[in-house]
Amino acid sequence: MTESGDIDCYPGQVQYFFTHAVNLPDGLSEHNLAFICWYKPAESSNIRYHFRVRDDEICNVELWGTEQEKFKRLFSGKSSQ
């Protein structure tokens, strides 16, 4: 999510999955996590949205750089028990 509240999608490569469990007063809480390397966007929007049609209304392909971001984030999806 950007600072303005917009949501953007980034391609990435999952390096590995792991599970984190912690005992809380109301019981065990377990989360499945992924360690992901995110790809950097193309250098300019003209490259990233190279396949635009109809005056920028539609872009069915996005081009991304081959380098990955150095900063990595952990995202979780709560597992059911």
Protein backbone atom coordinates (compact mmCIF):
# COMPACT_ATOMS: atom_id res chain seq x y z
CA MET A 1 0.00 0.00 0.00
CA THR A 2 1.33 3.42 -0.91
CA GLU A 3 1.41 6.46 1.36
CA SER A 4 -1.70 7.76 -0.43
CA GLY A 5 -3.61 4.54 0.33
CA ASP A 6 -3.38 3.07 -3.17
CA ILE A 7 -2.69 -0.63 -3.55
CA ASP A 8 -0.12 -1.71 -6.11
CA CYS A 9 0.96 -5.20 -7.16
CA TYR A 10 4.59 -6.26 -7.31
CA PRO A 11 5.94 -9.49 -8.75
CA GLY A 12 8.29 -11.41 -6.54
CA GLN A 13 10.00 -14.74 -6.03
CA VAL A 14 9.21 -16.81 -2.95
CA GLN A 15 12.46 -17.92 -1.34
CA TYR A 16 10.90 -20.14 1.33
CA PHE A 17 7.84 -20.67 3.54
CA PHE A 18 7.85 -21.08 7.31
CA THR A 19 5.42 -21.33 10.22
CA HIS A 20 5.54 -19.18 13.36
CA ALA A 21 3.65 -20.29 16.46
CA VAL A 22 3.25 -18.45 19.76
CA ASN A 23 1.34 -19.43 22.90
CA LEU A 24 -0.94 -16.58 23.94
CA PRO A 25 -3.27 -16.44 26.96
CA ASP A 26 -6.23 -17.40 24.77
CA GLY A 27 -4.38 -20.27 23.07
CA LEU A 28 -1.90 -21.07 20.35
CA SER A 29 -1.65 -18.60 17.48
CA GLU A 30 0.00 -19.93 14.34
CA HIS A 31 0.87 -18.06 11.15
CA ASN A 32 2.22 -19.27 7.81
CA LEU A 33 4.77 -16.83 6.41
CA ALA A 34 6.70 -16.39 3.17
CA PHE A 35 10.10 -14.80 2.63
CA ILE A 36 9.83 -13.01 -0.74
CA CYS A 37 12.31 -11.15 -2.96
CA TRP A 38 10.44 -8.39 -4.80
CA TYR A 39 11.40 -7.32 -8.33
CA LYS A 40 12.18 -3.68 -9.03
CA PRO A 41 9.86 -1.80 -11.41
CA ALA A 42 11.07 -0.90 -14.89
CA GLU A 43 13.03 2.34 -15.04
CA SER A 44 10.17 4.39 -16.52
CA SER A 45 6.43 4.08 -17.05
CA ASN A 46 7.01 4.14 -20.82
CA ILE A 47 8.95 0.89 -20.47
CA ARG A 48 6.77 -0.64 -17.75
CA TYR A 49 3.55 -0.07 -19.71
CA HIS A 50 5.08 -0.55 -23.17
CA PHE A 51 2.05 -2.49 -24.47
CA ARG A 52 -0.57 0.22 -23.79
CA VAL A 53 -3.56 0.49 -26.07
CA ARG A 54 -6.30 3.09 -26.57
CA ASP A 55 -4.47 6.11 -25.16
CA ASP A 56 -3.33 4.50 -21.90
CA GLU A 57 -6.78 3.11 -21.01
CA ILE A 58 -5.65 -0.52 -21.10
CA CYS A 59 -2.34 -2.23 -20.42
CA ASN A 60 -2.47 -6.01 -20.61
CA VAL A 61 1.27 -6.52 -19.99
CA GLU A 62 3.63 -4.93 -17.47
CA LEU A 63 7.40 -5.14 -17.86
CA TRP A 64 9.55 -5.31 -14.72
CA GLY A 65 13.28 -5.14 -14.12
CA THR A 66 15.36 -8.25 -13.53
CA GLU A 67 16.93 -6.92 -10.31
CA GLN A 68 15.31 -7.60 -6.96
CA GLU A 69 14.81 -5.14 -4.11
CA LYS A 70 17.29 -5.47 -1.22
CA PHE A 71 14.58 -4.88 1.39
CA LYS A 72 12.40 -7.91 2.08
CA ARG A 73 9.08 -8.07 3.90
CA LEU A 74 7.21 -10.83 5.63
CA PHE A 75 3.52 -11.28 4.85
CA SER A 76 1.36 -13.69 6.77
CA GLY A 77 -1.82 -15.58 6.29
CA LYS A 78 -3.31 -16.87 9.53
CA SER A 79 -3.65 -20.63 9.43
CA SER A 80 -6.75 -22.36 10.73
CA GLN A 81 -6.55 -24.79 13.63
